[in-house]
Amino acid sequence: MLCSILVRRLKEGLSYGDFHRAWFPDQGFGVPARVRNARRVDDPRELLSVGFLELPLEEHAAGLERVAARELRRHDRIAQVIESTVIAGIYEVLDDFDFSSTPRPWPTPGF
């Protein structure tokens, strides 16, 4: 499983709604993927996107190549609403925990 982390700063005067309209993909990635967007509590212009992709690390390059053209168009739209990207990276997920009561591994297949 891979995890994508992006921290972006909206251009002055724009909202999360503006970002969401630019960010939302025209079609899926072709693999199980889940993304959560969050807004910084003390700075509404800073947005965090965390994506989880059910894709083995060794298939990452081929997966990026498969969606490159349409992702380029989507990222061009995103560039119109953001001032900067503070952090951007793809990480291999090593483990997953549930700390809601007694700390324990999260029941995620594949770990």
PDB file of N, CA and C in Angstrom:
ATOM      1  N   MET A   1       0.856  -1.176   0.000  1.00  0.00           N
ATOM      2  CA  MET A   1       0.000   0.000   0.000  1.00  0.00           C
ATOM      3  C   MET A   1       0.895   1.230   0.000  1.00  0.00           C
ATOM      4  N   LEU A   2       0.490   2.214  -0.773  1.00  0.00           N
ATOM      5  CA  LEU A   2       1.219   3.479  -0.848  1.00  0.00           C
ATOM      6  C   LEU A   2       0.366   4.590  -0.266  1.00  0.00           C
ATOM      7  N   CYS A   3       1.031   5.613   0.229  1.00  0.00           N
ATOM      8  CA  CYS A   3       0.360   6.777   0.797  1.00  0.00           C
ATOM      9  C   CYS A   3       0.936   8.024   0.126  1.00  0.00           C
ATOM     10  N   SER A   4       0.052   8.846  -0.394  1.00  0.00           N
ATOM     11  CA  SER A   4       0.445  10.099  -1.032  1.00  0.00           C
ATOM     12  C   SER A   4       0.112  11.241  -0.070  1.00  0.00           C
ATOM     13  N   ILE A   5       1.071  12.119   0.168  1.00  0.00           N
ATOM     14  CA  ILE A   5       0.883  13.262   1.071  1.00  0.00           C
ATOM     15  C   ILE A   5       1.179  14.541   0.297  1.00  0.00           C
ATOM     16  N   LEU A   6       0.218  15.459   0.304  1.00  0.00           N
ATOM     17  CA  LEU A   6       0.433  16.776  -0.295  1.00  0.00           C
ATOM     18  C   LEU A   6      -0.100  17.844   0.652  1.00  0.00           C
ATOM     19  N   VAL A   7       0.698  18.849   0.886  1.00  0.00           N
ATOM     20  CA  VAL A   7       0.269  20.031   1.634  1.00  0.00           C
ATOM     21  C   VAL A   7       0.377  21.195   0.666  1.00  0.00           C
ATOM     22  N   ARG A   8      -0.751  21.866   0.459  1.00  0.00           N
ATOM     23  CA  ARG A   8      -0.808  22.966  -0.513  1.00  0.00           C
ATOM     24  C   ARG A   8      -1.360  24.216   0.155  1.00  0.00           C
ATOM     25  N   ARG A   9      -0.990  25.346  -0.420  1.00  0.00           N
ATOM     26  CA  ARG A   9      -1.493  26.636   0.064  1.00  0.00           C
ATOM     27  C   ARG A   9      -2.330  27.263  -1.040  1.00  0.00           C
ATOM     28  N   LEU A  10      -3.591  27.571  -0.701  1.00  0.00           N
ATOM     29  CA  LEU A  10      -4.494  28.210  -1.660  1.00  0.00           C
ATOM     30  C   LEU A  10      -4.063  29.639  -1.957  1.00  0.00           C
ATOM     31  N   LYS A  11      -4.354  30.085  -3.159  1.00  0.00           N
ATOM     32  CA  LYS A  11      -4.152  31.493  -3.489  1.00  0.00           C
ATOM     33  C   LYS A  11      -5.102  32.337  -2.648  1.00  0.00           C
ATOM     34  N   GLU A  12      -4.660  33.543  -2.343  1.00  0.00           N
ATOM     35  CA  GLU A  12      -5.459  34.489  -1.556  1.00  0.00           C
ATOM     36  C   GLU A  12      -6.836  34.657  -2.174  1.00  0.00           C
ATOM     37  N   GLY A  13      -7.866  34.623  -1.342  1.00  0.00           N
ATOM     38  CA  GLY A  13      -9.237  34.857  -1.789  1.00  0.00           C
ATOM     39  C   GLY A  13      -9.952  33.633  -2.330  1.00  0.00           C
ATOM     40  N   LEU A  14      -9.256  32.494  -2.447  1.00  0.00           N
ATOM     41  CA  LEU A  14      -9.903  31.287  -2.947  1.00  0.00           C
ATOM     42  C   LEU A  14     -10.295  30.381  -1.782  1.00  0.00           C
ATOM     43  N   SER A  15     -11.250  29.488  -2.041  1.00  0.00           N
ATOM     44  CA  SER A  15     -11.806  28.637  -0.985  1.00  0.00           C
ATOM     45  C   SER A  15     -11.511  27.159  -1.264  1.00  0.00           C
ATOM     46  N   TYR A  16     -11.845  26.334  -0.280  1.00  0.00           N
ATOM     47  CA  TYR A  16     -11.735  24.897  -0.481  1.00  0.00           C
ATOM     48  C   TYR A  16     -12.618  24.460  -1.655  1.00  0.00           C
ATOM     49  N   GLY A  17     -13.775  25.064  -1.797  1.00  0.00           N
ATOM     50  CA  GLY A  17     -14.649  24.735  -2.922  1.00  0.00           C
ATOM     51  C   GLY A  17     -13.964  24.967  -4.260  1.00  0.00           C
ATOM     52  N   ASP A  18     -13.214  26.065  -4.376  1.00  0.00           N
ATOM     53  CA  ASP A  18     -12.453  26.331  -5.607  1.00  0.00           C
ATOM     54  C   ASP A  18     -11.426  25.224  -5.845  1.00  0.00           C
ATOM     55  N   PHE A  19     -10.729  24.853  -4.784  1.00  0.00           N
ATOM     56  CA  PHE A  19      -9.744  23.783  -4.875  1.00  0.00           C
ATOM     57  C   PHE A  19     -10.415  22.469  -5.275  1.00  0.00           C
ATOM     58  N   HIS A  20     -11.497  22.132  -4.602  1.00  0.00           N
ATOM     59  CA  HIS A  20     -12.168  20.856  -4.852  1.00  0.00           C
ATOM     60  C   HIS A  20     -12.613  20.728  -6.304  1.00  0.00           C
ATOM     61  N   ARG A  21     -13.157  21.800  -6.869  1.00  0.00           N
ATOM     62  CA  ARG A  21     -13.584  21.769  -8.270  1.00  0.00           C
ATOM     63  C   ARG A  21     -12.396  21.511  -9.203  1.00  0.00           C
ATOM     64  N   ALA A  22     -11.252  22.091  -8.907  1.00  0.00           N
ATOM     65  CA  ALA A  22     -10.058  21.887  -9.738  1.00  0.00           C
ATOM     66  C   ALA A  22      -9.434  20.510  -9.493  1.00  0.00           C
ATOM     67  N   TRP A  23      -9.471  20.053  -8.259  1.00  0.00           N
ATOM     68  CA  TRP A  23      -8.787  18.835  -7.824  1.00  0.00           C
ATOM     69  C   TRP A  23      -9.526  17.558  -8.206  1.00  0.00           C
ATOM     70  N   PHE A  24     -10.855  17.562  -8.205  1.00  0.00           N
ATOM     71  CA  PHE A  24     -11.626  16.335  -8.384  1.00  0.00           C
ATOM     72  C   PHE A  24     -11.315  15.712  -9.744  1.00  0.00           C
ATOM     73  N   PRO A  25     -10.900  14.435  -9.772  1.00  0.00           N
ATOM     74  CA  PRO A  25     -10.491  13.806 -11.035  1.00  0.00           C
ATOM     75  C   PRO A  25     -11.664  13.524 -11.975  1.00  0.00           C
ATOM     76  N   ASP A  26     -11.371  13.512 -13.257  1.00  0.00           N
ATOM     77  CA  ASP A  26     -12.376  13.192 -14.272  1.00  0.00           C
ATOM     78  C   ASP A  26     -12.703  11.707 -14.276  1.00  0.00           C
ATOM     79  N   GLN A  27     -11.749  10.871 -13.864  1.00  0.00           N
ATOM     80  CA  GLN A  27     -11.993   9.435 -13.751  1.00  0.00           C
ATOM     81  C   GLN A  27     -11.048   8.873 -12.699  1.00  0.00           C
ATOM     82  N   GLY A  28     -11.334   7.644 -12.274  1.00  0.00           N
ATOM     83  CA  GLY A  28     -10.547   7.016 -11.213  1.00  0.00           C
ATOM     84  C   GLY A  28      -9.164   6.597 -11.672  1.00  0.00           C
ATOM     85  N   PHE A  29      -8.400   6.081 -10.729  1.00  0.00           N
ATOM     86  CA  PHE A  29      -7.008   5.717 -10.982  1.00  0.00           C
ATOM     87  C   PHE A  29      -6.838   4.277 -11.452  1.00  0.00           C
ATOM     88  N   GLY A  30      -7.889   3.488 -11.420  1.00  0.00           N
ATOM     89  CA  GLY A  30      -7.799   2.109 -11.886  1.00  0.00           C
ATOM     90  C   GLY A  30      -7.317   1.119 -10.841  1.00  0.00           C
ATOM     91  N   VAL A  31      -7.048   1.591  -9.637  1.00  0.00           N
ATOM     92  CA  VAL A  31      -6.701   0.737  -8.489  1.00  0.00           C
ATOM     93  C   VAL A  31      -7.485   1.265  -7.302  1.00  0.00           C
ATOM     94  N   PRO A  32      -7.743   0.429  -6.289  1.00  0.00           N
ATOM     95  CA  PRO A  32      -8.432   0.946  -5.110  1.00  0.00           C
ATOM     96  C   PRO A  32      -7.654   2.123  -4.517  1.00  0.00           C
ATOM     97  N   ALA A  33      -8.329   3.255  -4.400  1.00  0.00           N
ATOM     98  CA  ALA A  33      -7.685   4.468  -3.898  1.00  0.00           C
ATOM     99  C   ALA A  33      -8.677   5.248  -3.046  1.00  0.00           C
ATOM    100  N   ARG A  34      -8.203   5.790  -1.956  1.00  0.00           N
ATOM    101  CA  ARG A  34      -9.035   6.608  -1.068  1.00  0.00           C
ATOM    102  C   ARG A  34      -8.238   7.861  -0.716  1.00  0.00           C
ATOM    103  N   VAL A  35      -8.898   9.012  -0.783  1.00  0.00           N
ATOM    104  CA  VAL A  35      -8.223  10.278  -0.492  1.00  0.00           C
ATOM    105  C   VAL A  35      -9.044  11.053   0.525  1.00  0.00           C
ATOM    106  N   ARG A  36      -8.346  11.634   1.486  1.00  0.00           N
ATOM    107  CA  ARG A  36      -8.972  12.544   2.445  1.00  0.00           C
ATOM    108  C   ARG A  36      -8.297  13.896   2.308  1.00  0.00           C
ATOM    109  N   ASN A  37      -9.128  14.937   2.232  1.00  0.00           N
ATOM    110  CA  ASN A  37      -8.635  16.311   2.217  1.00  0.00           C
ATOM    111  C   ASN A  37      -8.976  16.943   3.551  1.00  0.00           C
ATOM    112  N   ALA A  38      -8.082  17.769   4.044  1.00  0.00           N
ATOM    113  CA  ALA A  38      -8.301  18.458   5.316  1.00  0.00           C
ATOM    114  C   ALA A  38      -7.805  19.891   5.200  1.00  0.00           C
ATOM    115  N   ARG A  39      -8.426  20.751   5.995  1.00  0.00           N
ATOM    116  CA  ARG A  39      -8.040  22.166   6.034  1.00  0.00           C
ATOM    117  C   ARG A  39      -7.394  22.424   7.393  1.00  0.00           C
ATOM    118  N   ARG A  40      -6.298  23.134   7.389  1.00  0.00           N
ATOM    119  CA  ARG A  40      -5.611  23.460   8.648  1.00  0.00           C
ATOM    120  C   ARG A  40      -6.518  24.317   9.522  1.00  0.00           C
ATOM    121  N   VAL A  41      -6.626  23.962  10.775  1.00  0.00           N
ATOM    122  CA  VAL A  41      -7.547  24.621  11.695  1.00  0.00           C
ATOM    123  C   VAL A  41      -7.222  26.102  11.869  1.00  0.00           C
ATOM    124  N   ASP A  42      -5.944  26.457  11.971  1.00  0.00           N
ATOM    125  CA  ASP A  42      -5.579  27.853  12.218  1.00  0.00           C
ATOM    126  C   ASP A  42      -5.163  28.609  10.950  1.00  0.00           C
ATOM    127  N   ASP A  43      -5.316  27.982   9.790  1.00  0.00           N
ATOM    128  CA  ASP A  43      -4.989  28.644   8.517  1.00  0.00           C
ATOM    129  C   ASP A  43      -5.810  27.993   7.400  1.00  0.00           C
ATOM    130  N   PRO A  44      -6.996  28.516   7.088  1.00  0.00           N
ATOM    131  CA  PRO A  44      -7.866  27.876   6.101  1.00  0.00           C
ATOM    132  C   PRO A  44      -7.315  27.840   4.679  1.00  0.00           C
ATOM    133  N   ARG A  45      -6.222  28.520   4.425  1.00  0.00           N
ATOM    134  CA  ARG A  45      -5.615  28.459   3.094  1.00  0.00           C
ATOM    135  C   ARG A  45      -4.708  27.237   2.932  1.00  0.00           C
ATOM    136  N   GLU A  46      -4.356  26.569   4.044  1.00  0.00           N
ATOM    137  CA  GLU A  46      -3.479  25.403   3.953  1.00  0.00           C
ATOM    138  C   GLU A  46      -4.318  24.132   3.931  1.00  0.00           C
ATOM    139  N   LEU A  47      -4.120  23.322   2.878  1.00  0.00           N
ATOM    140  CA  LEU A  47      -4.883  22.093   2.688  1.00  0.00           C
ATOM    141  C   LEU A  47      -3.946  20.891   2.675  1.00  0.00           C
ATOM    142  N   LEU A  48      -4.414  19.816   3.277  1.00  0.00           N
ATOM    143  CA  LEU A  48      -3.679  18.553   3.322  1.00  0.00           C
ATOM    144  C   LEU A  48      -4.478  17.511   2.562  1.00  0.00           C
ATOM    145  N   SER A  49      -3.833  16.815   1.635  1.00  0.00           N
ATOM    146  CA  SER A  49      -4.441  15.695   0.926  1.00  0.00           C
ATOM    147  C   SER A  49      -3.641  14.451   1.256  1.00  0.00           C
ATOM    148  N   VAL A  50      -4.327  13.422   1.762  1.00  0.00           N
ATOM    149  CA  VAL A  50      -3.696  12.147   2.089  1.00  0.00           C
ATOM    150  C   VAL A  50      -4.420  11.070   1.306  1.00  0.00           C
ATOM    151  N   GLY A  51      -3.692  10.388   0.445  1.00  0.00           N
ATOM    152  CA  GLY A  51      -4.287   9.335  -0.372  1.00  0.00           C
ATOM    153  C   GLY A  51      -3.666   7.992  -0.066  1.00  0.00           C
ATOM    154  N   PHE A  52      -4.499   6.967  -0.078  1.00  0.00           N
ATOM    155  CA  PHE A  52      -4.033   5.600   0.128  1.00  0.00           C
ATOM    156  C   PHE A  52      -4.349   4.800  -1.117  1.00  0.00           C
ATOM    157  N   LEU A  53      -3.341   4.184  -1.686  1.00  0.00           N
ATOM    158  CA  LEU A  53      -3.499   3.413  -2.918  1.00  0.00           C
ATOM    159  C   LEU A  53      -3.115   1.959  -2.664  1.00  0.00           C
ATOM    160  N   GLU A  54      -4.011   1.062  -3.021  1.00  0.00           N
ATOM    161  CA  GLU A  54      -3.728  -0.375  -2.920  1.00  0.00           C
ATOM    162  C   GLU A  54      -2.888  -0.756  -4.131  1.00  0.00           C
ATOM    163  N   LEU A  55      -1.623  -0.404  -4.050  1.00  0.00           N
ATOM    164  CA  LEU A  55      -0.709  -0.629  -5.156  1.00  0.00           C
ATOM    165  C   LEU A  55       0.647  -1.002  -4.570  1.00  0.00           C
ATOM    166  N   PRO A  56       1.187  -2.168  -4.926  1.00  0.00           N
ATOM    167  CA  PRO A  56       2.512  -2.533  -4.421  1.00  0.00           C
ATOM    168  C   PRO A  56       3.572  -1.536  -4.909  1.00  0.00           C
ATOM    169  N   LEU A  57       4.568  -1.321  -4.089  1.00  0.00           N
ATOM    170  CA  LEU A  57       5.644  -0.382  -4.415  1.00  0.00           C
ATOM    171  C   LEU A  57       6.249  -0.663  -5.789  1.00  0.00           C
ATOM    172  N   GLU A  58       6.439  -1.935  -6.122  1.00  0.00           N
ATOM    173  CA  GLU A  58       7.072  -2.276  -7.399  1.00  0.00           C
ATOM    174  C   GLU A  58       6.183  -1.959  -8.603  1.00  0.00           C
ATOM    175  N   GLU A  59       4.906  -1.672  -8.389  1.00  0.00           N
ATOM    176  CA  GLU A  59       4.003  -1.302  -9.487  1.00  0.00           C
ATOM    177  C   GLU A  59       3.757   0.207  -9.560  1.00  0.00           C
ATOM    178  N   HIS A  60       4.407   0.959  -8.686  1.00  0.00           N
ATOM    179  CA  HIS A  60       4.191   2.404  -8.597  1.00  0.00           C
ATOM    180  C   HIS A  60       4.515   3.130  -9.902  1.00  0.00           C
ATOM    181  N   ALA A  61       5.681   2.878 -10.462  1.00  0.00           N
ATOM    182  CA  ALA A  61       6.101   3.576 -11.691  1.00  0.00           C
ATOM    183  C   ALA A  61       5.143   3.287 -12.840  1.00  0.00           C
ATOM    184  N   ALA A  62       4.765   2.030 -13.021  1.00  0.00           N
ATOM    185  CA  ALA A  62       3.829   1.675 -14.099  1.00  0.00           C
ATOM    186  C   ALA A  62       2.467   2.314 -13.863  1.00  0.00           C
ATOM    187  N   GLY A  63       2.030   2.376 -12.606  1.00  0.00           N
ATOM    188  CA  GLY A  63       0.752   3.005 -12.281  1.00  0.00           C
ATOM    189  C   GLY A  63       0.756   4.485 -12.615  1.00  0.00           C
ATOM    190  N   LEU A  64       1.854   5.173 -12.296  1.00  0.00           N
ATOM    191  CA  LEU A  64       1.962   6.596 -12.628  1.00  0.00           C
ATOM    192  C   LEU A  64       1.951   6.812 -14.130  1.00  0.00           C
ATOM    193  N   GLU A  65       2.641   5.961 -14.844  1.00  0.00           N
ATOM    194  CA  GLU A  65       2.695   6.084 -16.302  1.00  0.00           C
ATOM    195  C   GLU A  65       1.301   5.908 -16.922  1.00  0.00           C
ATOM    196  N   ARG A  66       0.515   4.996 -16.356  1.00  0.00           N
ATOM    197  CA  ARG A  66      -0.818   4.700 -16.879  1.00  0.00           C
ATOM    198  C   ARG A  66      -1.752   5.910 -16.785  1.00  0.00           C
ATOM    199  N   VAL A  67      -1.599   6.740 -15.756  1.00  0.00           N
ATOM    200  CA  VAL A  67      -2.514   7.873 -15.560  1.00  0.00           C
ATOM    201  C   VAL A  67      -1.861   9.222 -15.831  1.00  0.00           C
ATOM    202  N   ALA A  68      -0.644   9.229 -16.333  1.00  0.00           N
ATOM    203  CA  ALA A  68       0.145  10.456 -16.475  1.00  0.00           C
ATOM    204  C   ALA A  68      -0.548  11.549 -17.274  1.00  0.00           C
ATOM    205  N   ALA A  69      -1.102  11.246 -18.431  1.00  0.00           N
ATOM    206  CA  ALA A  69      -1.683  12.286 -19.293  1.00  0.00           C
ATOM    207  C   ALA A  69      -2.873  12.961 -18.622  1.00  0.00           C
ATOM    208  N   ARG A  70      -3.802  12.185 -18.086  1.00  0.00           N
ATOM    209  CA  ARG A  70      -4.971  12.815 -17.459  1.00  0.00           C
ATOM    210  C   ARG A  70      -4.609  13.495 -16.140  1.00  0.00           C
ATOM    211  N   GLU A  71      -3.623  12.962 -15.416  1.00  0.00           N
ATOM    212  CA  GLU A  71      -3.195  13.610 -14.179  1.00  0.00           C
ATOM    213  C   GLU A  71      -2.501  14.937 -14.463  1.00  0.00           C
ATOM    214  N   LEU A  72      -1.809  15.042 -15.589  1.00  0.00           N
ATOM    215  CA  LEU A  72      -1.177  16.299 -15.983  1.00  0.00           C
ATOM    216  C   LEU A  72      -2.245  17.377 -16.169  1.00  0.00           C
ATOM    217  N   ARG A  73      -3.342  17.031 -16.827  1.00  0.00           N
ATOM    218  CA  ARG A  73      -4.441  17.996 -17.010  1.00  0.00           C
ATOM    219  C   ARG A  73      -5.036  18.402 -15.659  1.00  0.00           C
ATOM    220  N   ARG A  74      -5.227  17.430 -14.770  1.00  0.00           N
ATOM    221  CA  ARG A  74      -5.794  17.728 -13.456  1.00  0.00           C
ATOM    222  C   ARG A  74      -4.848  18.612 -12.649  1.00  0.00           C
ATOM    223  N   HIS A  75      -3.573  18.316 -12.692  1.00  0.00           N
ATOM    224  CA  HIS A  75      -2.607  19.127 -11.948  1.00  0.00           C
ATOM    225  C   HIS A  75      -2.460  20.529 -12.536  1.00  0.00           C
ATOM    226  N   ASP A  76      -2.689  20.694 -13.825  1.00  0.00           N
ATOM    227  CA  ASP A  76      -2.737  22.030 -14.424  1.00  0.00           C
ATOM    228  C   ASP A  76      -3.903  22.827 -13.845  1.00  0.00           C
ATOM    229  N   ARG A  77      -5.047  22.167 -13.650  1.00  0.00           N
ATOM    230  CA  ARG A  77      -6.210  22.842 -13.035  1.00  0.00           C
ATOM    231  C   ARG A  77      -5.902  23.231 -11.593  1.00  0.00           C
ATOM    232  N   ILE A  78      -5.287  22.318 -10.870  1.00  0.00           N
ATOM    233  CA  ILE A  78      -4.947  22.579  -9.469  1.00  0.00           C
ATOM    234  C   ILE A  78      -3.990  23.760  -9.368  1.00  0.00           C
ATOM    235  N   ALA A  79      -3.039  23.844 -10.277  1.00  0.00           N
ATOM    236  CA  ALA A  79      -2.054  24.933 -10.251  1.00  0.00           C
ATOM    237  C   ALA A  79      -2.707  26.309 -10.343  1.00  0.00           C
ATOM    238  N   GLN A  80      -3.898  26.373 -10.918  1.00  0.00           N
ATOM    239  CA  GLN A  80      -4.602  27.655 -11.048  1.00  0.00           C
ATOM    240  C   GLN A  80      -5.135  28.171  -9.709  1.00  0.00           C
ATOM    241  N   VAL A  81      -5.285  27.287  -8.720  1.00  0.00           N
ATOM    242  CA  VAL A  81      -5.891  27.696  -7.448  1.00  0.00           C
ATOM    243  C   VAL A  81      -4.937  27.647  -6.268  1.00  0.00           C
ATOM    244  N   ILE A  82      -3.754  27.095  -6.453  1.00  0.00           N
ATOM    245  CA  ILE A  82      -2.831  27.043  -5.327  1.00  0.00           C
ATOM    246  C   ILE A  82      -1.652  27.984  -5.531  1.00  0.00           C
ATOM    247  N   GLU A  83      -1.217  28.511  -4.413  1.00  0.00           N
ATOM    248  CA  GLU A  83      -0.062  29.408  -4.397  1.00  0.00           C
ATOM    249  C   GLU A  83       1.234  28.607  -4.369  1.00  0.00           C
ATOM    250  N   SER A  84       1.233  27.513  -3.588  1.00  0.00           N
ATOM    251  CA  SER A  84       2.439  26.694  -3.475  1.00  0.00           C
ATOM    252  C   SER A  84       2.085  25.305  -2.964  1.00  0.00           C
ATOM    253  N   THR A  85       3.006  24.387  -3.220  1.00  0.00           N
ATOM    254  CA  THR A  85       2.934  23.053  -2.643  1.00  0.00           C
ATOM    255  C   THR A  85       4.079  22.969  -1.655  1.00  0.00           C
ATOM    256  N   VAL A  86       3.728  22.797  -0.391  1.00  0.00           N
ATOM    257  CA  VAL A  86       4.715  22.802   0.688  1.00  0.00           C
ATOM    258  C   VAL A  86       5.381  21.442   0.817  1.00  0.00           C
ATOM    259  N   ILE A  87       4.589  20.379   0.736  1.00  0.00           N
ATOM    260  CA  ILE A  87       5.082  19.010   0.852  1.00  0.00           C
ATOM    261  C   ILE A  87       4.400  18.170  -0.218  1.00  0.00           C
ATOM    262  N   ALA A  88       5.151  17.322  -0.881  1.00  0.00           N
ATOM    263  CA  ALA A  88       4.588  16.366  -1.841  1.00  0.00           C
ATOM    264  C   ALA A  88       5.464  15.129  -1.822  1.00  0.00           C
ATOM    265  N   GLY A  89       4.850  13.985  -1.536  1.00  0.00           N
ATOM    266  CA  GLY A  89       5.619  12.753  -1.513  1.00  0.00           C
ATOM    267  C   GLY A  89       4.734  11.537  -1.542  1.00  0.00           C
ATOM    268  N   ILE A  90       5.324  10.434  -1.955  1.00  0.00           N
ATOM    269  CA  ILE A  90       4.643   9.146  -1.938  1.00  0.00           C
ATOM    270  C   ILE A  90       5.453   8.246  -1.025  1.00  0.00           C
ATOM    271  N   TYR A  91       4.752   7.599  -0.111  1.00  0.00           N
ATOM    272  CA  TYR A  91       5.373   6.791   0.924  1.00  0.00           C
ATOM    273  C   TYR A  91       4.817   5.373   0.888  1.00  0.00           C
ATOM    274  N   GLU A  92       5.650   4.415   1.251  1.00  0.00           N
ATOM    275  CA  GLU A  92       5.192   3.036   1.396  1.00  0.00           C
ATOM    276  C   GLU A  92       4.664   2.879   2.818  1.00  0.00           C
ATOM    277  N   VAL A  93       3.425   2.420   2.960  1.00  0.00           N
ATOM    278  CA  VAL A  93       2.826   2.232   4.286  1.00  0.00           C
ATOM    279  C   VAL A  93       3.448   0.989   4.921  1.00  0.00           C
ATOM    280  N   LEU A  94       3.972   1.150   6.134  1.00  0.00           N
ATOM    281  CA  LEU A  94       4.626   0.055   6.838  1.00  0.00           C
ATOM    282  C   LEU A  94       3.721  -0.608   7.860  1.00  0.00           C
ATOM    283  N   ASP A  95       2.848   0.167   8.494  1.00  0.00           N
ATOM    284  CA  ASP A  95       1.893  -0.397   9.436  1.00  0.00           C
ATOM    285  C   ASP A  95       0.751   0.578   9.665  1.00  0.00           C
ATOM    286  N   ASP A  96      -0.241   0.151  10.439  1.00  0.00           N
ATOM    287  CA  ASP A  96      -1.467   0.923  10.637  1.00  0.00           C
ATOM    288  C   ASP A  96      -2.017   0.540  12.008  1.00  0.00           C
ATOM    289  N   PHE A  97      -2.303   1.523  12.866  1.00  0.00           N
ATOM    290  CA  PHE A  97      -2.734   1.243  14.234  1.00  0.00           C
ATOM    291  C   PHE A  97      -4.034   1.948  14.576  1.00  0.00           C
ATOM    292  N   ASP A  98      -4.771   1.349  15.486  1.00  0.00           N
ATOM    293  CA  ASP A  98      -5.994   1.906  16.054  1.00  0.00           C
ATOM    294  C   ASP A  98      -5.689   2.296  17.495  1.00  0.00           C
ATOM    295  N   PHE A  99      -5.721   3.588  17.800  1.00  0.00           N
ATOM    296  CA  PHE A  99      -5.455   4.081  19.149  1.00  0.00           C
ATOM    297  C   PHE A  99      -6.723   4.575  19.834  1.00  0.00           C
ATOM    298  N   SER A 100      -7.912   4.157  19.354  1.00  0.00           N
ATOM    299  CA  SER A 100      -9.153   4.662  19.931  1.00  0.00           C
ATOM    300  C   SER A 100      -9.393   4.157  21.353  1.00  0.00           C
ATOM    301  N   SER A 101      -8.938   2.980  21.685  1.00  0.00           N
ATOM    302  CA  SER A 101      -9.025   2.474  23.059  1.00  0.00           C
ATOM    303  C   SER A 101      -7.674   1.849  23.384  1.00  0.00           C
ATOM    304  N   THR A 102      -7.610   0.551  23.493  1.00  0.00           N
ATOM    305  CA  THR A 102      -6.332  -0.114  23.710  1.00  0.00           C
ATOM    306  C   THR A 102      -5.567  -0.125  22.381  1.00  0.00           C
ATOM    307  N   PRO A 103      -4.365   0.444  22.335  1.00  0.00           N
ATOM    308  CA  PRO A 103      -3.624   0.464  21.078  1.00  0.00           C
ATOM    309  C   PRO A 103      -3.458  -0.945  20.498  1.00  0.00           C
ATOM    310  N   ARG A 104      -3.754  -1.052  19.190  1.00  0.00           N
ATOM    311  CA  ARG A 104      -3.649  -2.338  18.508  1.00  0.00           C
ATOM    312  C   ARG A 104      -3.476  -2.073  17.016  1.00  0.00           C
ATOM    313  N   PRO A 105      -2.921  -3.060  16.324  1.00  0.00           N
ATOM    314  CA  PRO A 105      -2.845  -2.899  14.861  1.00  0.00           C
ATOM    315  C   PRO A 105      -4.246  -2.773  14.274  1.00  0.00           C
ATOM    316  N   TRP A 106      -4.380  -1.942  13.256  1.00  0.00           N
ATOM    317  CA  TRP A 106      -5.642  -1.789  12.537  1.00  0.00           C
ATOM    318  C   TRP A 106      -5.815  -3.030  11.658  1.00  0.00           C
ATOM    319  N   PRO A 107      -7.020  -3.567  11.582  1.00  0.00           N
ATOM    320  CA  PRO A 107      -7.199  -4.798  10.776  1.00  0.00           C
ATOM    321  C   PRO A 107      -7.202  -4.518   9.275  1.00  0.00           C
ATOM    322  N   THR A 108      -6.036  -4.207   8.750  1.00  0.00           N
ATOM    323  CA  THR A 108      -5.899  -3.882   7.321  1.00  0.00           C
ATOM    324  C   THR A 108      -5.252  -5.049   6.603  1.00  0.00           C
ATOM    325  N   PRO A 109      -5.902  -5.581   5.577  1.00  0.00           N
ATOM    326  CA  PRO A 109      -5.265  -6.661   4.818  1.00  0.00           C
ATOM    327  C   PRO A 109      -3.972  -6.183   4.170  1.00  0.00           C
ATOM    328  N   GLY A 110      -3.038  -7.080   4.024  1.00  0.00           N
ATOM    329  CA  GLY A 110      -1.821  -6.760   3.294  1.00  0.00           C
ATOM    330  C   GLY A 110      -0.644  -6.359   4.159  1.00  0.00           C
ATOM    331  N   PHE A 111      -0.828  -6.303   5.472  1.00  0.00           N
ATOM    332  CA  PHE A 111       0.313  -5.954   6.332  1.00  0.00           C
ATOM    333  C   PHE A 111       0.870  -7.191   6.982  1.00  0.00           C
TER     334      PHE A 111
END
